[in-house]
C-alpha atoms as a PDB file:
ATOM      1  CA  MET A   1       7.657   2.222  16.805  1.00  0.00           C
ATOM      2  CA  ASP A   2       4.952   4.300  18.409  1.00  0.00           C
ATOM      3  CA  ILE A   3       1.543   2.598  18.643  1.00  0.00           C
ATOM      4  CA  ASN A   4      -0.291   5.336  16.733  1.00  0.00           C
ATOM      5  CA  LYS A   5       2.160   5.147  13.847  1.00  0.00           C
ATOM      6  CA  GLN A   6       1.810   1.358  13.785  1.00  0.00           C
ATOM      7  CA  LYS A   7      -1.984   1.604  13.631  1.00  0.00           C
ATOM      8  CA  GLU A   8      -1.747   4.102  10.785  1.00  0.00           C
ATOM      9  CA  LEU A   9       0.580   1.789   8.843  1.00  0.00           C
ATOM     10  CA  GLU A  10      -1.833  -1.106   9.401  1.00  0.00           C
ATOM     11  CA  ASN A  11      -4.784   1.012   8.209  1.00  0.00           C
ATOM     12  CA  LEU A  12      -2.834   2.061   5.122  1.00  0.00           C
ATOM     13  CA  GLY A  13      -1.922  -1.555   4.452  1.00  0.00           C
ATOM     14  CA  ARG A  14      -5.560  -2.639   4.661  1.00  0.00           C
ATOM     15  CA  ARG A  15      -6.512   0.120   2.224  1.00  0.00           C
ATOM     16  CA  ILE A  16      -3.794  -0.902  -0.232  1.00  0.00           C
ATOM     17  CA  ARG A  17      -4.940  -4.535  -0.044  1.00  0.00           C
ATOM     18  CA  GLN A  18      -8.587  -3.543  -0.486  1.00  0.00           C
ATOM     19  CA  LEU A  19      -7.848  -1.479  -3.597  1.00  0.00           C
ATOM     20  CA  ARG A  20      -5.532  -4.156  -5.026  1.00  0.00           C
ATOM     21  CA  GLU A  21      -8.181  -6.830  -4.531  1.00  0.00           C
ATOM     22  CA  GLN A  22     -10.841  -4.624  -6.154  1.00  0.00           C
ATOM     23  CA  LYS A  23      -8.663  -4.676  -9.257  1.00  0.00           C
ATOM     24  CA  ASP A  24      -8.327  -8.452  -8.883  1.00  0.00           C
ATOM     25  CA  TRP A  25      -4.526  -8.226  -8.828  1.00  0.00           C
ATOM     26  CA  SER A  26      -2.189 -10.561  -7.009  1.00  0.00           C
ATOM     27  CA  GLN A  27       0.557  -9.068  -4.883  1.00  0.00           C
ATOM     28  CA  ARG A  28       2.992 -10.098  -7.602  1.00  0.00           C
ATOM     29  CA  GLU A  29       1.010  -8.262 -10.295  1.00  0.00           C
ATOM     30  CA  MET A  30       0.703  -5.159  -8.103  1.00  0.00           C
ATOM     31  CA  ALA A  31       4.435  -5.266  -7.424  1.00  0.00           C
ATOM     32  CA  SER A  32       5.191  -5.492 -11.128  1.00  0.00           C
ATOM     33  CA  ARG A  33       2.948  -2.521 -11.915  1.00  0.00           C
ATOM     34  CA  CYS A  34       4.607  -0.456  -9.152  1.00  0.00           C
ATOM     35  CA  ASN A  35       8.131  -1.643  -9.907  1.00  0.00           C
ATOM     36  CA  ILE A  36       8.442  -2.884  -6.305  1.00  0.00           C
ATOM     37  CA  ASP A  37       9.269  -6.419  -5.198  1.00  0.00           C
ATOM     38  CA  SER A  38       6.283  -8.532  -4.124  1.00  0.00           C
ATOM     39  CA  ALA A  39       7.702  -9.144  -0.627  1.00  0.00           C
ATOM     40  CA  SER A  40       7.526  -5.387  -0.032  1.00  0.00           C
ATOM     41  CA  ILE A  41       3.882  -5.279  -1.123  1.00  0.00           C
ATOM     42  CA  GLY A  42       3.109  -7.984   1.436  1.00  0.00           C
ATOM     43  CA  LYS A  43       4.956  -6.090   4.163  1.00  0.00           C
ATOM     44  CA  MET A  44       3.106  -2.877   3.277  1.00  0.00           C
ATOM     45  CA  GLU A  45      -0.245  -4.628   3.408  1.00  0.00           C
ATOM     46  CA  ARG A  46       0.582  -6.071   6.841  1.00  0.00           C
ATOM     47  CA  GLY A  47       1.703  -2.678   8.148  1.00  0.00           C
ATOM     48  CA  GLU A  48       5.271  -3.897   8.583  1.00  0.00           C
ATOM     49  CA  LEU A  49       6.915  -1.377   6.277  1.00  0.00           C
ATOM     50  CA  ASP A  50       7.111   2.370   6.733  1.00  0.00           C
ATOM     51  CA  ILE A  51       6.237   3.602   3.247  1.00  0.00           C
ATOM     52  CA  ARG A  52       8.213   6.487   1.748  1.00  0.00           C
ATOM     53  CA  TYR A  53       6.273   9.366   0.241  1.00  0.00           C
ATOM     54  CA  THR A  54       7.478   8.583  -3.290  1.00  0.00           C
ATOM     55  CA  THR A  55       6.289   4.992  -2.884  1.00  0.00           C
ATOM     56  CA  LEU A  56       2.914   6.229  -1.644  1.00  0.00           C
ATOM     57  CA  LEU A  57       2.629   8.389  -4.772  1.00  0.00           C
ATOM     58  CA  GLN A  58       3.503   5.429  -7.001  1.00  0.00           C
ATOM     59  CA  LEU A  59       0.942   3.192  -5.272  1.00  0.00           C
ATOM     60  CA  ALA A  60      -1.756   5.838  -5.638  1.00  0.00           C
ATOM     61  CA  LEU A  61      -0.947   6.307  -9.327  1.00  0.00           C
ATOM     62  CA  VAL A  62      -1.100   2.578 -10.058  1.00  0.00           C
ATOM     63  CA  LEU A  63      -4.277   2.095  -7.997  1.00  0.00           C
ATOM     64  CA  GLU A  64      -5.866   5.148  -9.701  1.00  0.00           C
ATOM     65  CA  VAL A  65      -6.610   7.014  -6.464  1.00  0.00           C
ATOM     66  CA  THR A  66      -5.208  10.113  -4.839  1.00  0.00           C
ATOM     67  CA  PRO A  67      -2.639   9.786  -2.059  1.00  0.00           C
ATOM     68  CA  ALA A  68      -5.295  11.191   0.295  1.00  0.00           C
ATOM     69  CA  GLU A  69      -7.661   8.363  -0.665  1.00  0.00           C
ATOM     70  CA  LEU A  70      -4.984   5.849   0.285  1.00  0.00           C
ATOM     71  CA  LEU A  71      -4.432   7.511   3.650  1.00  0.00           C
ATOM     72  CA  ASN A  72      -8.117   7.919   4.520  1.00  0.00           C
ATOM     73  CA  SER A  73      -9.579   4.497   5.071  1.00  0.00           C
END
């Protein structure tokens, strides 16, 4: 994977974690709300998973932010 893409995934993961923690949710609770397994939430937050657009939309909806707010950290 290209280094710039990896850095972007890591930044996105940090933003997801930050917003999840602001809501005081565990990864398991976040996963349940998004209908995603908790292992995937962990991988996203560590920048280990390339997130599909539809998943990004679901995360933004559950976290009550716009997709742009997730991408701009």
